[in-house]
Protein backbone atom coordinates (compact mmCIF):
# COMPACT_ATOMS: atom_id res chain seq x y z
CA MET A 1 -79.25 30.91 -2.18
CA ARG A 2 -77.39 32.57 -5.01
CA THR A 3 -76.04 29.18 -6.20
CA THR A 4 -79.58 27.75 -6.14
CA GLY A 5 -80.88 30.69 -8.17
CA ARG A 6 -78.18 30.24 -10.75
CA GLY A 7 -78.98 26.62 -10.95
CA TRP A 8 -82.66 27.31 -11.68
CA TRP A 9 -81.80 29.82 -14.31
CA ARG A 10 -79.46 27.31 -16.07
CA THR A 11 -82.10 24.64 -15.85
CA GLY A 12 -84.73 26.94 -17.25
CA LEU A 13 -82.46 27.98 -20.20
CA GLY A 14 -81.60 24.34 -20.85
CA VAL A 15 -85.39 23.47 -20.99
CA VAL A 16 -86.05 26.30 -23.31
CA PHE A 17 -83.21 25.53 -25.67
CA THR A 18 -84.17 21.79 -25.62
CA ALA A 19 -87.77 22.59 -26.45
CA LEU A 20 -86.69 24.82 -29.34
CA MET A 21 -84.45 22.07 -30.77
CA LEU A 22 -87.09 19.33 -30.32
CA PHE A 23 -89.98 21.41 -31.70
CA PRO A 24 -89.40 20.28 -35.32
CA VAL A 25 -89.63 16.69 -34.04
CA TYR A 26 -92.89 17.48 -32.26
CA TRP A 27 -94.25 19.22 -35.33
CA MET A 28 -93.37 16.26 -37.46
CA ILE A 29 -95.29 13.93 -35.17
CA ASN A 30 -98.23 16.36 -34.93
CA VAL A 31 -98.54 16.56 -38.79
CA SER A 32 -98.34 12.83 -39.11
CA PHE A 33 -101.62 12.62 -37.26
CA THR A 34 -103.27 15.56 -39.01
CA ARG A 35 -105.98 15.10 -41.59
CA ASP A 36 -105.40 16.34 -45.15
CA GLN A 37 -108.17 18.95 -44.97
CA ASP A 38 -106.75 20.45 -41.75
CA MET A 39 -103.15 20.61 -43.10
CA ARG A 40 -103.39 24.28 -44.32
CA LYS A 41 -105.68 25.53 -41.56
CA THR A 42 -104.82 29.05 -40.29
CA PRO A 43 -104.00 29.14 -37.47
CA PRO A 44 -102.69 25.52 -37.48
CA TYR A 45 -103.63 22.99 -34.90
CA TRP A 46 -101.01 22.68 -32.23
CA PHE A 47 -102.34 19.28 -31.35
CA PRO A 48 -103.80 16.59 -33.67
CA VAL A 49 -107.48 17.60 -33.35
CA ASP A 50 -109.61 14.91 -35.04
CA GLY A 51 -106.43 12.98 -35.71
CA THR A 52 -106.05 10.29 -38.26
CA LEU A 53 -103.87 7.17 -38.75
CA GLU A 54 -104.11 7.29 -42.53
CA GLY A 55 -100.47 8.34 -42.82
CA TYR A 56 -99.27 5.40 -40.78
CA ARG A 57 -101.45 2.98 -42.73
CA ALA A 58 -99.79 4.25 -45.87
CA VAL A 59 -96.38 3.65 -44.24
CA LEU A 60 -97.26 0.02 -43.39
CA GLU A 61 -98.60 -0.58 -46.94
CA GLN A 62 -95.87 1.12 -48.99
CA GLN A 63 -92.69 1.74 -46.86
CA LEU A 64 -92.02 -1.49 -45.03
CA PRO A 65 -89.87 -2.91 -47.88
CA TYR A 66 -87.62 0.16 -47.73
CA LEU A 67 -87.33 -0.06 -43.90
CA GLY A 68 -86.30 -3.72 -44.25
CA VAL A 69 -83.59 -2.91 -46.77
CA SER A 70 -82.23 -0.13 -44.51
CA LEU A 71 -82.14 -2.54 -41.60
CA VAL A 72 -80.18 -5.08 -43.68
CA VAL A 73 -77.75 -2.37 -44.92
CA GLY A 74 -77.27 -0.96 -41.48
CA LEU A 75 -76.53 -4.33 -39.87
CA GLY A 76 -74.28 -5.31 -42.74
CA THR A 77 -72.42 -2.06 -42.42
CA VAL A 78 -71.88 -2.63 -38.71
CA ALA A 79 -70.63 -6.18 -39.25
CA LEU A 80 -68.21 -5.22 -42.04
CA THR A 81 -66.97 -2.17 -40.09
CA LEU A 82 -66.21 -4.25 -36.98
CA VAL A 83 -64.53 -7.00 -38.89
CA ILE A 84 -62.07 -4.48 -40.45
CA ALA A 85 -61.77 -1.87 -37.78
CA VAL A 86 -61.33 -3.89 -34.56
CA PRO A 87 -58.29 -5.86 -35.66
CA ALA A 88 -56.80 -2.76 -37.37
CA ALA A 89 -57.23 -0.71 -34.27
CA TYR A 90 -55.64 -3.43 -32.10
CA SER A 91 -52.69 -3.66 -34.44
CA LEU A 92 -52.14 0.17 -34.41
CA ALA A 93 -52.65 0.56 -30.65
CA LYS A 94 -50.69 -2.45 -29.33
CA LEU A 95 -48.67 -4.15 -32.05
CA ARG A 96 -47.38 -0.90 -33.51
CA PRO A 97 -46.52 -2.02 -36.99
CA ARG A 98 -44.20 -0.01 -39.30
CA GLY A 99 -45.99 2.85 -40.90
CA GLY A 100 -48.67 2.90 -38.25
CA GLY A 101 -48.43 6.69 -37.84
CA VAL A 102 -48.75 7.21 -41.56
CA LEU A 103 -51.83 4.91 -41.71
CA GLY A 104 -53.37 6.90 -38.89
CA PHE A 105 -52.76 10.13 -40.75
CA LEU A 106 -54.30 8.60 -43.92
CA LEU A 107 -57.36 7.61 -41.93
CA LEU A 108 -57.78 11.28 -40.86
CA ILE A 109 -57.42 12.41 -44.40
CA ALA A 110 -59.99 9.79 -45.57
CA GLN A 111 -62.65 11.40 -43.28
CA MET A 112 -62.13 14.78 -45.02
CA ILE A 113 -63.01 13.46 -48.47
CA PRO A 114 -66.51 14.63 -49.47
CA GLY A 115 -69.03 11.84 -49.85
CA VAL A 116 -70.03 12.98 -53.31
CA ILE A 117 -66.51 12.48 -54.57
CA MET A 118 -66.37 9.02 -53.05
CA ALA A 119 -69.80 8.16 -54.52
CA MET A 120 -68.58 9.04 -58.01
CA GLY A 121 -65.54 6.85 -57.58
CA PHE A 122 -67.60 3.98 -56.29
CA TYR A 123 -70.02 4.41 -59.20
CA ALA A 124 -67.26 3.72 -61.74
CA ILE A 125 -65.90 0.78 -59.72
CA PHE A 126 -69.33 -0.77 -59.09
CA LEU A 127 -70.36 -0.32 -62.71
CA ALA A 128 -67.26 -2.18 -63.85
CA THR A 129 -67.55 -5.02 -61.24
CA GLY A 130 -71.35 -5.50 -61.66
CA VAL A 131 -72.36 -4.59 -58.02
CA LEU A 132 -74.11 -1.32 -58.92
CA ASN A 133 -77.72 -1.12 -57.62
CA THR A 134 -77.16 -3.96 -55.07
CA VAL A 135 -77.44 -4.13 -51.36
CA PRO A 136 -73.90 -5.51 -50.85
CA GLY A 137 -72.48 -2.67 -52.86
CA LEU A 138 -74.26 -0.18 -50.65
CA ILE A 139 -72.94 -1.93 -47.51
CA VAL A 140 -69.38 -1.67 -48.82
CA ALA A 141 -69.81 2.03 -49.73
CA ASP A 142 -71.31 2.91 -46.33
CA SER A 143 -68.59 1.02 -44.48
CA THR A 144 -65.95 3.33 -46.03
CA LEU A 145 -67.41 6.13 -43.94
CA ALA A 146 -67.48 4.14 -40.74
CA VAL A 147 -64.20 2.27 -40.82
CA PRO A 148 -61.84 5.31 -40.49
CA PHE A 149 -63.79 6.70 -37.61
CA ALA A 150 -64.02 3.30 -36.01
CA VAL A 151 -60.32 2.56 -36.24
CA LEU A 152 -59.38 5.96 -34.66
CA ILE A 153 -61.85 5.63 -31.80
CA LEU A 154 -60.91 2.01 -31.07
CA ALA A 155 -57.24 2.62 -31.33
CA ALA A 156 -57.43 5.55 -28.92
CA PHE A 157 -59.30 3.43 -26.47
CA MET A 158 -57.06 0.37 -26.76
CA SER A 159 -53.93 2.49 -26.27
CA GLY A 160 -55.19 3.09 -22.76
CA ILE A 161 -55.33 -0.59 -21.87
CA PRO A 162 -52.59 -1.35 -19.39
CA GLU A 163 -49.64 -3.23 -20.76
CA GLU A 164 -49.50 -5.24 -17.54
CA LEU A 165 -52.90 -6.76 -18.43
CA LEU A 166 -51.57 -7.96 -21.82
CA GLN A 167 -48.37 -9.17 -20.34
CA ALA A 168 -50.23 -11.23 -17.81
CA ALA A 169 -52.16 -12.90 -20.60
CA ARG A 170 -48.88 -13.70 -22.42
CA VAL A 171 -47.40 -15.18 -19.21
CA ASP A 172 -50.42 -17.45 -19.09
CA GLY A 173 -49.61 -18.68 -22.61
CA ALA A 174 -51.93 -16.54 -24.66
CA GLY A 175 -50.75 -15.60 -28.12
CA VAL A 176 -51.50 -12.44 -30.04
CA LEU A 177 -54.90 -13.64 -31.30
CA ARG A 178 -55.93 -15.18 -27.95
CA THR A 179 -54.97 -11.98 -26.18
CA PHE A 180 -56.98 -9.95 -28.63
CA TRP A 181 -60.06 -12.16 -28.31
CA SER A 182 -60.09 -12.88 -24.62
CA VAL A 183 -58.67 -9.68 -23.15
CA VAL A 184 -58.71 -6.69 -25.52
CA LEU A 185 -62.20 -7.22 -26.94
CA PRO A 186 -64.05 -7.57 -23.61
CA VAL A 187 -62.27 -4.55 -22.14
CA SER A 188 -63.11 -2.50 -25.32
CA ARG A 189 -66.84 -3.35 -25.20
CA ASN A 190 -67.99 0.27 -24.71
CA SER A 191 -65.93 1.58 -27.63
CA VAL A 192 -67.07 -1.29 -29.84
CA ILE A 193 -70.71 -0.56 -29.09
CA THR A 194 -70.03 3.21 -29.79
CA VAL A 195 -68.61 2.64 -33.22
CA SER A 196 -71.29 0.09 -34.04
CA LEU A 197 -73.96 2.61 -33.17
CA PHE A 198 -72.44 5.33 -35.31
CA ALA A 199 -71.86 2.91 -38.17
CA PHE A 200 -75.53 1.89 -38.09
CA LEU A 201 -76.74 5.50 -37.90
CA TRP A 202 -74.57 6.59 -40.84
CA ALA A 203 -75.83 3.64 -42.96
CA TRP A 204 -79.43 4.28 -41.88
CA SER A 205 -79.45 7.95 -42.78
CA ASP A 206 -77.27 7.75 -45.88
CA PHE A 207 -78.69 9.40 -49.00
CA VAL A 208 -75.72 10.33 -51.14
CA PHE A 209 -74.49 6.80 -51.70
CA ALA A 210 -78.04 5.35 -51.90
CA SER A 211 -79.10 7.89 -54.55
CA THR A 212 -75.93 7.47 -56.54
CA LEU A 213 -75.23 3.72 -56.27
CA ASP A 214 -78.74 2.19 -55.75
CA GLN A 215 -81.09 4.56 -57.54
CA GLY A 216 -82.18 1.91 -60.05
CA GLY A 217 -82.00 -1.15 -57.80
CA GLY A 218 -84.91 -3.30 -56.77
CA HIS A 219 -84.05 -3.02 -53.11
CA GLN A 220 -83.70 0.55 -51.92
CA PRO A 221 -83.25 2.04 -48.35
CA ILE A 222 -85.74 4.20 -46.51
CA THR A 223 -84.03 7.44 -47.42
CA LEU A 224 -84.85 6.83 -51.09
CA GLY A 225 -88.34 5.63 -50.02
CA ILE A 226 -89.02 8.98 -48.45
CA TYR A 227 -87.49 10.81 -51.39
CA HIS A 228 -89.66 8.98 -53.92
CA TYR A 229 -92.74 9.29 -51.66
CA ILE A 230 -92.34 13.08 -51.54
CA GLY A 231 -92.02 13.27 -55.29
CA ASN A 232 -95.08 11.13 -55.92
CA ASN A 233 -97.38 12.41 -53.08
CA ASN A 234 -96.39 15.94 -52.37
CA GLN A 235 -99.90 16.78 -51.03
CA GLN A 236 -100.10 13.92 -48.56
CA TRP A 237 -98.00 15.40 -45.82
CA ASN A 238 -99.41 13.29 -43.01
CA ALA A 239 -98.14 10.22 -44.80
CA ILE A 240 -94.79 11.78 -45.53
CA MET A 241 -94.32 12.78 -41.86
CA ALA A 242 -95.52 9.41 -40.68
CA THR A 243 -92.79 7.86 -42.82
CA ALA A 244 -90.28 10.14 -41.21
CA VAL A 245 -91.50 9.25 -37.74
CA VAL A 246 -91.37 5.50 -38.41
CA ALA A 247 -87.88 5.81 -39.94
CA SER A 248 -86.63 7.66 -36.83
CA ILE A 249 -87.85 5.00 -34.36
CA PRO A 250 -84.98 2.53 -34.83
CA ALA A 251 -82.29 5.18 -34.50
CA THR A 252 -84.01 6.70 -31.36
CA VAL A 253 -84.41 3.24 -29.72
CA LEU A 254 -80.70 2.49 -30.36
CA LEU A 255 -79.57 5.81 -28.92
CA VAL A 256 -81.59 5.37 -25.79
CA ILE A 257 -80.45 1.82 -25.21
CA ALA A 258 -76.76 2.46 -26.02
CA GLN A 259 -76.55 5.88 -24.34
CA ARG A 260 -74.42 4.78 -21.35
CA TYR A 261 -72.11 2.78 -23.48
CA VAL A 262 -71.54 5.66 -25.93
CA ALA A 263 -70.75 7.99 -22.98
CA ALA A 264 -68.08 5.60 -21.77
CA GLY A 265 -66.82 4.58 -25.25
CA VAL A 266 -66.00 7.98 -26.59
CA THR A 267 -63.52 8.50 -23.74
CA ALA A 268 -60.18 7.19 -24.87
CA GLY A 269 -57.92 5.69 -22.34
CA ALA A 270 -60.69 5.08 -19.80
CA VAL A 271 -58.87 2.04 -18.37
CA LYS A 272 -56.28 3.16 -15.89
CA ASP A 273 -53.24 1.38 -14.61
């Protein structure tokens, strides 16, 4: 009975803490359906009484181009990250090139560099190369955040792949590339999905690179769309919150779908001999 009682207390505390953490999300949704004249009502409505869809109509009319650009940047960042990180992780984990330890240390150091400093460096480079205020430039910049993390996660996972599995592939006549493509990649599916998800979320939520490298571009991501929208319509809070709700949907859907893959992918060495 004592164990059951403790379980109920823990469950209750978990529910309370979860409700507290999710309350801002609920309030954002509530405000997105609230009419302008009810926005400053005291006490406020805890539910969208006489709710309106005007905020969501404004999103569909004005924010869809920003959402489309964020989708392109996010998918492009995922593709570029995987193209670079997966072979690099395989090389560090299984081929063990000279200087691999130094490279791993440099990847850790790269994750400690503040994004603002990197943005300033990219600004000078992009200005000289003519890719400032472009979507490809933003994809390259966002990938620099995702690649070090992806290499470390993938290398940790691939290190746990049994050597006997790779030796069996070599006995069957598979070379390095064939072993990588036919054996290592399928086994590393969970970790690949994990780093893809994080790369997409970083690109989707990025504001520092977007505001520095794409402020004057014709195609801007949703983070800049929300920023400009707040500056131009600081009284239309239902539209602002509706934009935030719509911008959160892709990330939420991806997290729900990929949850079980992420739980498995973040565990390095999950494959046992």
